[in-house]
PDB file of N, CA and C in Angstrom:
ATOM      1  N   MET A   1      -6.457  31.299 -22.127  1.00  0.00           N
ATOM      2  CA  MET A   1      -7.370  30.113 -21.449  1.00  0.00           C
ATOM      3  C   MET A   1      -7.738  29.884 -20.277  1.00  0.00           C
ATOM      4  N   THR A   2      -8.296  30.193 -19.910  1.00  0.00           N
ATOM      5  CA  THR A   2      -8.223  30.139 -17.992  1.00  0.00           C
ATOM      6  C   THR A   2      -8.148  29.136 -17.157  1.00  0.00           C
ATOM      7  N   LEU A   3      -8.076  29.375 -16.284  1.00  0.00           N
ATOM      8  CA  LEU A   3      -8.124  27.711 -15.334  1.00  0.00           C
ATOM      9  C   LEU A   3      -9.640  26.855 -15.560  1.00  0.00           C
ATOM     10  N   GLU A   4     -10.466  27.912 -15.964  1.00  0.00           N
ATOM     11  CA  GLU A   4     -11.947  27.104 -15.470  1.00  0.00           C
ATOM     12  C   GLU A   4     -12.064  26.404 -16.808  1.00  0.00           C
ATOM     13  N   ASP A   5     -11.242  27.268 -18.020  1.00  0.00           N
ATOM     14  CA  ASP A   5     -11.756  26.870 -19.259  1.00  0.00           C
ATOM     15  C   ASP A   5     -10.861  25.109 -19.486  1.00  0.00           C
ATOM     16  N   LEU A   6      -9.514  25.224 -19.018  1.00  0.00           N
ATOM     17  CA  LEU A   6      -8.906  24.088 -18.632  1.00  0.00           C
ATOM     18  C   LEU A   6      -9.710  22.965 -18.187  1.00  0.00           C
ATOM     19  N   THR A   7     -10.122  23.754 -16.717  1.00  0.00           N
ATOM     20  CA  THR A   7     -10.690  22.325 -16.260  1.00  0.00           C
ATOM     21  C   THR A   7     -11.951  21.709 -16.932  1.00  0.00           C
ATOM     22  N   GLN A   8     -12.819  22.407 -17.297  1.00  0.00           N
ATOM     23  CA  GLN A   8     -13.951  21.818 -18.433  1.00  0.00           C
ATOM     24  C   GLN A   8     -13.505  21.572 -19.334  1.00  0.00           C
ATOM     25  N   ARG A   9     -12.117  21.554 -20.071  1.00  0.00           N
ATOM     26  CA  ARG A   9     -11.591  20.965 -21.164  1.00  0.00           C
ATOM     27  C   ARG A   9     -10.950  19.458 -20.815  1.00  0.00           C
ATOM     28  N   LEU A  10     -10.797  19.404 -19.357  1.00  0.00           N
ATOM     29  CA  LEU A  10     -10.186  17.989 -18.787  1.00  0.00           C
ATOM     30  C   LEU A  10     -11.552  17.182 -18.560  1.00  0.00           C
ATOM     31  N   ARG A  11     -12.538  17.664 -18.076  1.00  0.00           N
ATOM     32  CA  ARG A  11     -13.822  17.309 -18.016  1.00  0.00           C
ATOM     33  C   ARG A  11     -14.661  16.726 -18.832  1.00  0.00           C
ATOM     34  N   ASP A  12     -14.595  17.694 -20.333  1.00  0.00           N
ATOM     35  CA  ASP A  12     -15.013  16.920 -21.465  1.00  0.00           C
ATOM     36  C   ASP A  12     -14.430  16.047 -21.714  1.00  0.00           C
ATOM     37  N   PHE A  13     -12.974  15.883 -21.791  1.00  0.00           N
ATOM     38  CA  PHE A  13     -12.224  14.579 -22.398  1.00  0.00           C
ATOM     39  C   PHE A  13     -12.562  13.417 -21.597  1.00  0.00           C
ATOM     40  N   ALA A  14     -12.453  13.865 -20.237  1.00  0.00           N
ATOM     41  CA  ALA A  14     -12.571  12.223 -19.592  1.00  0.00           C
ATOM     42  C   ALA A  14     -14.189  12.021 -19.766  1.00  0.00           C
ATOM     43  N   ALA A  15     -14.890  12.675 -19.620  1.00  0.00           N
ATOM     44  CA  ALA A  15     -16.322  12.111 -20.055  1.00  0.00           C
ATOM     45  C   ALA A  15     -16.788  11.438 -21.694  1.00  0.00           C
ATOM     46  N   ALA A  16     -15.890  12.251 -22.407  1.00  0.00           N
ATOM     47  CA  ALA A  16     -15.901  11.525 -23.859  1.00  0.00           C
ATOM     48  C   ALA A  16     -15.504  10.024 -24.054  1.00  0.00           C
ATOM     49  N   ARG A  17     -14.284  10.137 -22.596  1.00  0.00           N
ATOM     50  CA  ARG A  17     -13.777   8.693 -23.134  1.00  0.00           C
ATOM     51  C   ARG A  17     -14.310   7.849 -22.007  1.00  0.00           C
ATOM     52  N   ASP A  18     -15.250   8.043 -21.290  1.00  0.00           N
ATOM     53  CA  ASP A  18     -15.563   7.328 -20.121  1.00  0.00           C
ATOM     54  C   ASP A  18     -14.847   6.921 -19.115  1.00  0.00           C
ATOM     55  N   TRP A  19     -13.810   8.017 -18.559  1.00  0.00           N
ATOM     56  CA  TRP A  19     -12.862   7.537 -17.780  1.00  0.00           C
ATOM     57  C   TRP A  19     -13.128   8.035 -16.290  1.00  0.00           C
ATOM     58  N   GLU A  20     -14.411   8.742 -16.308  1.00  0.00           N
ATOM     59  CA  GLU A  20     -14.972   9.530 -15.013  1.00  0.00           C
ATOM     60  C   GLU A  20     -14.865   8.591 -14.005  1.00  0.00           C
ATOM     61  N   PRO A  21     -15.378   6.950 -13.870  1.00  0.00           N
ATOM     62  CA  PRO A  21     -15.262   6.079 -12.794  1.00  0.00           C
ATOM     63  C   PRO A  21     -13.499   5.771 -12.677  1.00  0.00           C
ATOM     64  N   PHE A  22     -12.822   6.117 -13.385  1.00  0.00           N
ATOM     65  CA  PHE A  22     -11.377   5.791 -13.122  1.00  0.00           C
ATOM     66  C   PHE A  22     -10.780   7.185 -12.313  1.00  0.00           C
ATOM     67  N   HIS A  23     -11.236   8.453 -12.502  1.00  0.00           N
ATOM     68  CA  HIS A  23     -10.667   9.415 -11.980  1.00  0.00           C
ATOM     69  C   HIS A  23     -11.216   9.796 -10.829  1.00  0.00           C
ATOM     70  N   THR A  24     -10.651   8.993  -9.427  1.00  0.00           N
ATOM     71  CA  THR A  24     -10.931   8.536  -8.151  1.00  0.00           C
ATOM     72  C   THR A  24      -9.828   9.706  -7.515  1.00  0.00           C
ATOM     73  N   PRO A  25      -9.835  10.130  -6.630  1.00  0.00           N
ATOM     74  CA  PRO A  25      -8.772  11.163  -5.602  1.00  0.00           C
ATOM     75  C   PRO A  25      -7.404   9.845  -5.457  1.00  0.00           C
ATOM     76  N   LYS A  26      -7.874   8.536  -5.482  1.00  0.00           N
ATOM     77  CA  LYS A  26      -6.604   7.715  -5.047  1.00  0.00           C
ATOM     78  C   LYS A  26      -5.878   7.500  -7.025  1.00  0.00           C
ATOM     79  N   ASN A  27      -6.852   7.371  -7.743  1.00  0.00           N
ATOM     80  CA  ASN A  27      -5.951   7.015  -8.761  1.00  0.00           C
ATOM     81  C   ASN A  27      -5.833   8.662  -9.425  1.00  0.00           C
ATOM     82  N   LEU A  28      -5.877   9.651  -9.457  1.00  0.00           N
ATOM     83  CA  LEU A  28      -5.473  11.147  -9.854  1.00  0.00           C
ATOM     84  C   LEU A  28      -4.284  11.152  -9.226  1.00  0.00           C
ATOM     85  N   THR A  29      -4.542  10.757  -7.672  1.00  0.00           N
ATOM     86  CA  THR A  29      -3.063  11.195  -6.771  1.00  0.00           C
ATOM     87  C   THR A  29      -1.807  10.287  -7.182  1.00  0.00           C
ATOM     88  N   MET A  30      -2.051   9.395  -7.533  1.00  0.00           N
ATOM     89  CA  MET A  30      -1.059   8.051  -7.875  1.00  0.00           C
ATOM     90  C   MET A  30      -0.873   8.502  -9.322  1.00  0.00           C
ATOM     91  N   ALA A  31      -1.407   9.049 -10.276  1.00  0.00           N
ATOM     92  CA  ALA A  31      -0.673   9.441 -11.326  1.00  0.00           C
ATOM     93  C   ALA A  31      -0.176  10.663 -11.663  1.00  0.00           C
ATOM     94  N   LEU A  32      -0.462  12.052 -10.953  1.00  0.00           N
ATOM     95  CA  LEU A  32       0.033  12.783 -10.431  1.00  0.00           C
ATOM     96  C   LEU A  32       1.388  12.694  -9.526  1.00  0.00           C
ATOM     97  N   SER A  33       1.439  11.870  -8.624  1.00  0.00           N
ATOM     98  CA  SER A  33       2.520  11.449  -8.496  1.00  0.00           C
ATOM     99  C   SER A  33       3.667  10.672  -9.435  1.00  0.00           C
ATOM    100  N   GLY A  34       3.059   9.727 -10.402  1.00  0.00           N
ATOM    101  CA  GLY A  34       3.923   9.201 -11.517  1.00  0.00           C
ATOM    102  C   GLY A  34       4.789  10.591 -12.310  1.00  0.00           C
ATOM    103  N   GLU A  35       4.087  11.114 -12.658  1.00  0.00           N
ATOM    104  CA  GLU A  35       4.178  12.613 -13.587  1.00  0.00           C
ATOM    105  C   GLU A  35       5.296  13.244 -12.604  1.00  0.00           C
ATOM    106  N   VAL A  36       5.113  13.438 -11.705  1.00  0.00           N
ATOM    107  CA  VAL A  36       6.244  14.040 -10.848  1.00  0.00           C
ATOM    108  C   VAL A  36       7.383  13.433 -10.716  1.00  0.00           C
ATOM    109  N   GLY A  37       7.441  11.927 -10.740  1.00  0.00           N
ATOM    110  CA  GLY A  37       8.495  11.261 -10.569  1.00  0.00           C
ATOM    111  C   GLY A  37       9.336  11.229 -12.243  1.00  0.00           C
ATOM    112  N   GLU A  38       8.062  11.486 -13.152  1.00  0.00           N
ATOM    113  CA  GLU A  38       9.117  11.655 -14.609  1.00  0.00           C
ATOM    114  C   GLU A  38       9.682  12.889 -14.546  1.00  0.00           C
ATOM    115  N   LEU A  39       9.078  13.996 -14.099  1.00  0.00           N
ATOM    116  CA  LEU A  39       9.797  15.175 -14.309  1.00  0.00           C
ATOM    117  C   LEU A  39      11.017  15.673 -13.288  1.00  0.00           C
ATOM    118  N   ILE A  40      10.841  14.955 -12.315  1.00  0.00           N
ATOM    119  CA  ILE A  40      12.376  14.507 -11.198  1.00  0.00           C
ATOM    120  C   ILE A  40      13.450  13.888 -12.106  1.00  0.00           C
ATOM    121  N   ALA A  41      13.058  12.755 -12.769  1.00  0.00           N
ATOM    122  CA  ALA A  41      14.230  11.777 -13.419  1.00  0.00           C
ATOM    123  C   ALA A  41      14.691  12.701 -14.782  1.00  0.00           C
ATOM    124  N   LEU A  42      14.063  13.929 -14.954  1.00  0.00           N
ATOM    125  CA  LEU A  42      14.737  14.362 -15.841  1.00  0.00           C
ATOM    126  C   LEU A  42      15.523  15.428 -15.790  1.00  0.00           C
ATOM    127  N   PHE A  43      15.429  16.024 -14.562  1.00  0.00           N
ATOM    128  CA  PHE A  43      17.013  16.450 -13.619  1.00  0.00           C
ATOM    129  C   PHE A  43      17.889  15.378 -12.557  1.00  0.00           C
ATOM    130  N   GLN A  44      17.217  14.415 -12.257  1.00  0.00           N
ATOM    131  CA  GLN A  44      18.098  13.565 -11.119  1.00  0.00           C
ATOM    132  C   GLN A  44      19.351  13.842 -11.054  1.00  0.00           C
ATOM    133  N   TRP A  45      20.281  13.588 -12.293  1.00  0.00           N
ATOM    134  CA  TRP A  45      21.575  13.599 -12.114  1.00  0.00           C
ATOM    135  C   TRP A  45      22.065  14.764 -13.159  1.00  0.00           C
ATOM    136  N   LEU A  46      21.709  15.682 -13.448  1.00  0.00           N
ATOM    137  CA  LEU A  46      22.034  17.266 -13.868  1.00  0.00           C
ATOM    138  C   LEU A  46      23.072  17.604 -12.656  1.00  0.00           C
ATOM    139  N   THR A  47      23.779  18.472 -12.930  1.00  0.00           N
ATOM    140  CA  THR A  47      24.617  19.426 -12.124  1.00  0.00           C
ATOM    141  C   THR A  47      23.681  20.540 -11.820  1.00  0.00           C
ATOM    142  N   PRO A  48      23.821  21.564 -10.948  1.00  0.00           N
ATOM    143  CA  PRO A  48      23.338  22.930 -10.889  1.00  0.00           C
ATOM    144  C   PRO A  48      23.226  23.730 -12.060  1.00  0.00           C
ATOM    145  N   GLU A  49      24.253  23.393 -12.688  1.00  0.00           N
ATOM    146  CA  GLU A  49      24.464  23.854 -13.960  1.00  0.00           C
ATOM    147  C   GLU A  49      23.660  23.413 -15.187  1.00  0.00           C
ATOM    148  N   GLU A  50      23.866  22.338 -15.278  1.00  0.00           N
ATOM    149  CA  GLU A  50      23.272  21.841 -16.247  1.00  0.00           C
ATOM    150  C   GLU A  50      21.696  21.984 -16.159  1.00  0.00           C
ATOM    151  N   ALA A  51      21.229  21.600 -14.948  1.00  0.00           N
ATOM    152  CA  ALA A  51      19.687  22.007 -14.886  1.00  0.00           C
ATOM    153  C   ALA A  51      19.123  23.393 -15.200  1.00  0.00           C
ATOM    154  N   ALA A  52      20.337  24.427 -14.731  1.00  0.00           N
ATOM    155  CA  ALA A  52      19.316  25.874 -15.153  1.00  0.00           C
ATOM    156  C   ALA A  52      19.730  25.749 -16.341  1.00  0.00           C
ATOM    157  N   ASN A  53      20.062  25.256 -17.373  1.00  0.00           N
ATOM    158  CA  ASN A  53      20.788  25.034 -18.648  1.00  0.00           C
ATOM    159  C   ASN A  53      19.560  24.369 -19.502  1.00  0.00           C
ATOM    160  N   TRP A  54      18.814  23.890 -18.577  1.00  0.00           N
ATOM    161  CA  TRP A  54      17.844  22.876 -19.666  1.00  0.00           C
ATOM    162  C   TRP A  54      17.099  23.208 -20.646  1.00  0.00           C
ATOM    163  N   ARG A  55      16.913  24.062 -21.088  1.00  0.00           N
ATOM    164  CA  ARG A  55      16.416  24.473 -22.448  1.00  0.00           C
ATOM    165  C   ARG A  55      17.403  24.538 -23.316  1.00  0.00           C
ATOM    166  N   ALA A  56      18.850  24.478 -23.131  1.00  0.00           N
ATOM    167  CA  ALA A  56      20.125  24.177 -24.089  1.00  0.00           C
ATOM    168  C   ALA A  56      19.672  22.814 -25.155  1.00  0.00           C
ATOM    169  N   ASP A  57      19.010  22.173 -24.443  1.00  0.00           N
ATOM    170  CA  ASP A  57      18.952  20.926 -25.327  1.00  0.00           C
ATOM    171  C   ASP A  57      17.565  20.741 -25.516  1.00  0.00           C
ATOM    172  N   PRO A  58      17.099  21.052 -27.235  1.00  0.00           N
ATOM    173  CA  PRO A  58      15.868  21.117 -27.673  1.00  0.00           C
ATOM    174  C   PRO A  58      14.745  19.952 -27.007  1.00  0.00           C
ATOM    175  N   ALA A  59      15.516  18.430 -26.857  1.00  0.00           N
ATOM    176  CA  ALA A  59      14.639  17.170 -26.593  1.00  0.00           C
ATOM    177  C   ALA A  59      14.159  17.510 -24.909  1.00  0.00           C
ATOM    178  N   GLN A  60      15.481  17.966 -24.471  1.00  0.00           N
ATOM    179  CA  GLN A  60      15.264  18.041 -22.852  1.00  0.00           C
ATOM    180  C   GLN A  60      14.325  19.297 -22.663  1.00  0.00           C
ATOM    181  N   GLU A  61      13.836  19.975 -23.594  1.00  0.00           N
ATOM    182  CA  GLU A  61      13.116  21.310 -23.151  1.00  0.00           C
ATOM    183  C   GLU A  61      12.024  20.816 -23.830  1.00  0.00           C
ATOM    184  N   PHE A  62      11.842  19.947 -24.658  1.00  0.00           N
ATOM    185  CA  PHE A  62      10.354  19.164 -24.805  1.00  0.00           C
ATOM    186  C   PHE A  62       9.873  18.505 -24.022  1.00  0.00           C
ATOM    187  N   ASN A  63      10.785  17.592 -23.419  1.00  0.00           N
ATOM    188  CA  ASN A  63      10.332  16.876 -22.244  1.00  0.00           C
ATOM    189  C   ASN A  63       9.953  17.503 -20.725  1.00  0.00           C
ATOM    190  N   VAL A  64      10.672  18.240 -19.952  1.00  0.00           N
ATOM    191  CA  VAL A  64      10.410  18.941 -19.411  1.00  0.00           C
ATOM    192  C   VAL A  64       8.906  19.684 -19.476  1.00  0.00           C
ATOM    193  N   GLN A  65       9.194  20.411 -20.634  1.00  0.00           N
ATOM    194  CA  GLN A  65       7.507  20.948 -20.579  1.00  0.00           C
ATOM    195  C   GLN A  65       6.233  19.915 -20.746  1.00  0.00           C
ATOM    196  N   ASP A  66       6.734  18.892 -21.451  1.00  0.00           N
ATOM    197  CA  ASP A  66       5.640  17.703 -21.813  1.00  0.00           C
ATOM    198  C   ASP A  66       5.352  17.262 -20.025  1.00  0.00           C
ATOM    199  N   GLU A  67       6.367  17.065 -19.134  1.00  0.00           N
ATOM    200  CA  GLU A  67       6.011  16.358 -17.749  1.00  0.00           C
ATOM    201  C   GLU A  67       5.441  17.645 -16.789  1.00  0.00           C
ATOM    202  N   ILE A  68       6.119  18.686 -17.096  1.00  0.00           N
ATOM    203  CA  ILE A  68       5.234  19.894 -16.652  1.00  0.00           C
ATOM    204  C   ILE A  68       3.712  19.866 -17.050  1.00  0.00           C
ATOM    205  N   ALA A  69       3.439  19.888 -17.841  1.00  0.00           N
ATOM    206  CA  ALA A  69       1.733  19.716 -18.823  1.00  0.00           C
ATOM    207  C   ALA A  69       1.114  18.232 -17.685  1.00  0.00           C
ATOM    208  N   ASP A  70       1.923  17.219 -17.774  1.00  0.00           N
ATOM    209  CA  ASP A  70       1.153  15.998 -17.357  1.00  0.00           C
ATOM    210  C   ASP A  70       0.608  16.624 -15.904  1.00  0.00           C
ATOM    211  N   VAL A  71       2.112  16.926 -15.130  1.00  0.00           N
ATOM    212  CA  VAL A  71       1.763  17.522 -13.659  1.00  0.00           C
ATOM    213  C   VAL A  71       0.347  18.191 -13.272  1.00  0.00           C
ATOM    214  N   THR A  72       1.129  19.576 -14.658  1.00  0.00           N
ATOM    215  CA  THR A  72      -0.850  20.428 -14.212  1.00  0.00           C
ATOM    216  C   THR A  72      -2.023  19.861 -14.362  1.00  0.00           C
ATOM    217  N   LEU A  73      -2.231  19.001 -15.444  1.00  0.00           N
ATOM    218  CA  LEU A  73      -3.121  18.350 -16.198  1.00  0.00           C
ATOM    219  C   LEU A  73      -4.309  17.445 -15.075  1.00  0.00           C
ATOM    220  N   TYR A  74      -3.088  16.846 -14.067  1.00  0.00           N
ATOM    221  CA  TYR A  74      -3.464  15.783 -13.452  1.00  0.00           C
ATOM    222  C   TYR A  74      -3.935  16.387 -11.830  1.00  0.00           C
ATOM    223  N   LEU A  75      -3.401  17.657 -11.790  1.00  0.00           N
ATOM    224  CA  LEU A  75      -3.525  18.696 -10.535  1.00  0.00           C
ATOM    225  C   LEU A  75      -4.768  18.933 -10.751  1.00  0.00           C
ATOM    226  N   VAL A  76      -5.060  19.629 -11.949  1.00  0.00           N
ATOM    227  CA  VAL A  76      -6.343  20.416 -12.144  1.00  0.00           C
ATOM    228  C   VAL A  76      -6.985  19.181 -12.034  1.00  0.00           C
ATOM    229  N   ARG A  77      -7.316  18.297 -12.770  1.00  0.00           N
ATOM    230  CA  ARG A  77      -8.149  17.293 -13.163  1.00  0.00           C
ATOM    231  C   ARG A  77      -8.506  16.668 -11.220  1.00  0.00           C
ATOM    232  N   LEU A  78      -7.425  16.510 -10.781  1.00  0.00           N
ATOM    233  CA  LEU A  78      -7.499  16.149  -9.116  1.00  0.00           C
ATOM    234  C   LEU A  78      -8.511  17.076  -8.360  1.00  0.00           C
ATOM    235  N   ALA A  79      -7.947  18.418  -8.452  1.00  0.00           N
ATOM    236  CA  ALA A  79      -8.427  19.597  -7.809  1.00  0.00           C
ATOM    237  C   ALA A  79     -10.425  19.567  -8.100  1.00  0.00           C
ATOM    238  N   ASP A  80     -10.312  19.413  -9.422  1.00  0.00           N
ATOM    239  CA  ASP A  80     -12.029  19.497  -9.972  1.00  0.00           C
ATOM    240  C   ASP A  80     -12.604  18.187  -9.164  1.00  0.00           C
ATOM    241  N   VAL A  81     -12.300  17.296  -9.237  1.00  0.00           N
ATOM    242  CA  VAL A  81     -12.622  15.633  -8.460  1.00  0.00           C
ATOM    243  C   VAL A  81     -13.170  15.815  -7.135  1.00  0.00           C
ATOM    244  N   LEU A  82     -12.122  16.834  -6.244  1.00  0.00           N
ATOM    245  CA  LEU A  82     -12.249  16.728  -5.030  1.00  0.00           C
ATOM    246  C   LEU A  82     -13.071  18.305  -4.908  1.00  0.00           C
ATOM    247  N   GLY A  83     -13.768  18.944  -5.831  1.00  0.00           N
ATOM    248  CA  GLY A  83     -13.994  20.169  -5.615  1.00  0.00           C
ATOM    249  C   GLY A  83     -13.225  21.255  -5.095  1.00  0.00           C
ATOM    250  N   ILE A  84     -12.193  21.494  -5.345  1.00  0.00           N
ATOM    251  CA  ILE A  84     -11.247  22.190  -4.628  1.00  0.00           C
ATOM    252  C   ILE A  84     -10.822  23.661  -5.490  1.00  0.00           C
ATOM    253  N   ASP A  85     -10.905  24.746  -5.473  1.00  0.00           N
ATOM    254  CA  ASP A  85     -10.272  25.764  -6.356  1.00  0.00           C
ATOM    255  C   ASP A  85      -9.273  26.178  -6.289  1.00  0.00           C
ATOM    256  N   LEU A  86      -8.471  25.831  -6.821  1.00  0.00           N
ATOM    257  CA  LEU A  86      -6.766  25.442  -6.959  1.00  0.00           C
ATOM    258  C   LEU A  86      -6.579  27.200  -6.828  1.00  0.00           C
ATOM    259  N   LEU A  87      -7.079  28.158  -7.494  1.00  0.00           N
ATOM    260  CA  LEU A  87      -6.291  29.279  -6.752  1.00  0.00           C
ATOM    261  C   LEU A  87      -6.789  29.846  -5.840  1.00  0.00           C
ATOM    262  N   GLU A  88      -8.119  29.271  -5.210  1.00  0.00           N
ATOM    263  CA  GLU A  88      -8.282  29.687  -4.092  1.00  0.00           C
ATOM    264  C   GLU A  88      -7.301  29.196  -2.741  1.00  0.00           C
ATOM    265  N   ALA A  89      -7.220  28.355  -3.016  1.00  0.00           N
ATOM    266  CA  ALA A  89      -6.213  27.115  -2.124  1.00  0.00           C
ATOM    267  C   ALA A  89      -4.906  27.512  -1.921  1.00  0.00           C
ATOM    268  N   ALA A  90      -4.667  27.858  -3.500  1.00  0.00           N
ATOM    269  CA  ALA A  90      -3.100  28.208  -3.518  1.00  0.00           C
ATOM    270  C   ALA A  90      -2.538  30.013  -2.987  1.00  0.00           C
ATOM    271  N   ASN A  91      -3.766  30.954  -3.477  1.00  0.00           N
ATOM    272  CA  ASN A  91      -3.790  32.402  -2.637  1.00  0.00           C
ATOM    273  C   ASN A  91      -3.869  31.729  -1.010  1.00  0.00           C
ATOM    274  N   ALA A  92      -4.658  31.059  -0.700  1.00  0.00           N
ATOM    275  CA  ALA A  92      -4.450  30.940   0.891  1.00  0.00           C
ATOM    276  C   ALA A  92      -3.425  30.054   1.523  1.00  0.00           C
ATOM    277  N   LYS A  93      -2.672  29.659   0.908  1.00  0.00           N
ATOM    278  CA  LYS A  93      -1.548  29.099   1.359  1.00  0.00           C
ATOM    279  C   LYS A  93      -0.333  30.082   0.966  1.00  0.00           C
ATOM    280  N   VAL A  94      -0.452  30.920   0.547  1.00  0.00           N
ATOM    281  CA  VAL A  94       0.877  32.019   0.169  1.00  0.00           C
ATOM    282  C   VAL A  94       0.482  32.993   1.127  1.00  0.00           C
ATOM    283  N   ASP A  95      -0.837  33.110   1.422  1.00  0.00           N
ATOM    284  CA  ASP A  95      -1.211  34.139   2.638  1.00  0.00           C
ATOM    285  C   ASP A  95      -0.694  33.522   3.770  1.00  0.00           C
ATOM    286  N   ARG A  96      -0.871  32.201   4.343  1.00  0.00           N
ATOM    287  CA  ARG A  96      -0.169  31.390   5.247  1.00  0.00           C
ATOM    288  C   ARG A  96       1.347  31.599   5.458  1.00  0.00           C
ATOM    289  N   ASN A  97       1.953  31.431   4.150  1.00  0.00           N
ATOM    290  CA  ASN A  97       3.410  31.384   4.156  1.00  0.00           C
ATOM    291  C   ASN A  97       3.774  32.735   4.463  1.00  0.00           C
ATOM    292  N   GLU A  98       3.094  33.935   4.322  1.00  0.00           N
ATOM    293  CA  GLU A  98       3.643  35.365   4.263  1.00  0.00           C
ATOM    294  C   GLU A  98       3.583  35.399   5.534  1.00  0.00           C
ATOM    295  N   LYS A  99       2.567  34.734   6.758  1.00  0.00           N
ATOM    296  CA  LYS A  99       2.585  34.861   7.850  1.00  0.00           C
ATOM    297  C   LYS A  99       3.868  34.188   8.611  1.00  0.00           C
ATOM    298  N   ARG A 100       3.872  32.967   7.998  1.00  0.00           N
ATOM    299  CA  ARG A 100       4.726  32.216   8.676  1.00  0.00           C
ATOM    300  C   ARG A 100       6.244  32.734   8.716  1.00  0.00           C
ATOM    301  N   PHE A 101       6.685  33.002   7.303  1.00  0.00           N
ATOM    302  CA  PHE A 101       7.835  33.580   6.701  1.00  0.00           C
ATOM    303  C   PHE A 101       7.446  34.723   6.447  1.00  0.00           C
ATOM    304  N   PRO A 102       8.193  36.181   7.111  1.00  0.00           N
ATOM    305  CA  PRO A 102       7.953  37.226   6.986  1.00  0.00           C
ATOM    306  C   PRO A 102       9.644  37.960   6.298  1.00  0.00           C
ATOM    307  N   PRO A 103       9.317  39.001   5.353  1.00  0.00           N
ATOM    308  CA  PRO A 103      10.165  39.394   4.822  1.00  0.00           C
ATOM    309  C   PRO A 103      11.648  39.108   5.504  1.00  0.00           C
ATOM    310  N   LEU A 104      12.903  39.314   4.933  1.00  0.00           N
ATOM    311  CA  LEU A 104      14.067  39.336   5.918  1.00  0.00           C
ATOM    312  C   LEU A 104      14.320  41.144   6.139  1.00  0.00           C
ATOM    313  N   ALA A 105      14.657  41.426   7.134  1.00  0.00           N
ATOM    314  CA  ALA A 105      15.121  42.960   7.459  1.00  0.00           C
ATOM    315  C   ALA A 105      16.041  43.446   6.751  1.00  0.00           C
ATOM    316  N   ARG A 106      15.994  44.361   5.862  1.00  0.00           N
ATOM    317  CA  ARG A 106      17.415  44.614   5.438  1.00  0.00           C
ATOM    318  C   ARG A 106      17.582  46.063   5.715  1.00  0.00           C
TER     319      ARG A 106
END
């Protein structure tokens, strides 16, 4: 599946439920923020070692993947509603970061 396929699937999902009126930039941004908060909560009180071993607990592994999926879906939907090409925007940001943060001399 490509990012375009996922974007279209989310469009179709929202349309089939008449959710487009609710998928405003404000609402999608708030939902995205909430999902990021849920992801943060999964790691909040873990030690660095526990966080690095998140897959050791099957429930934790499921929950982390589920929350990352939620974050991804809201981000893809938000970008679509705003008319932003996510891959283009991300690549442009990496290009800027490569100039701002040159590699360390070794």
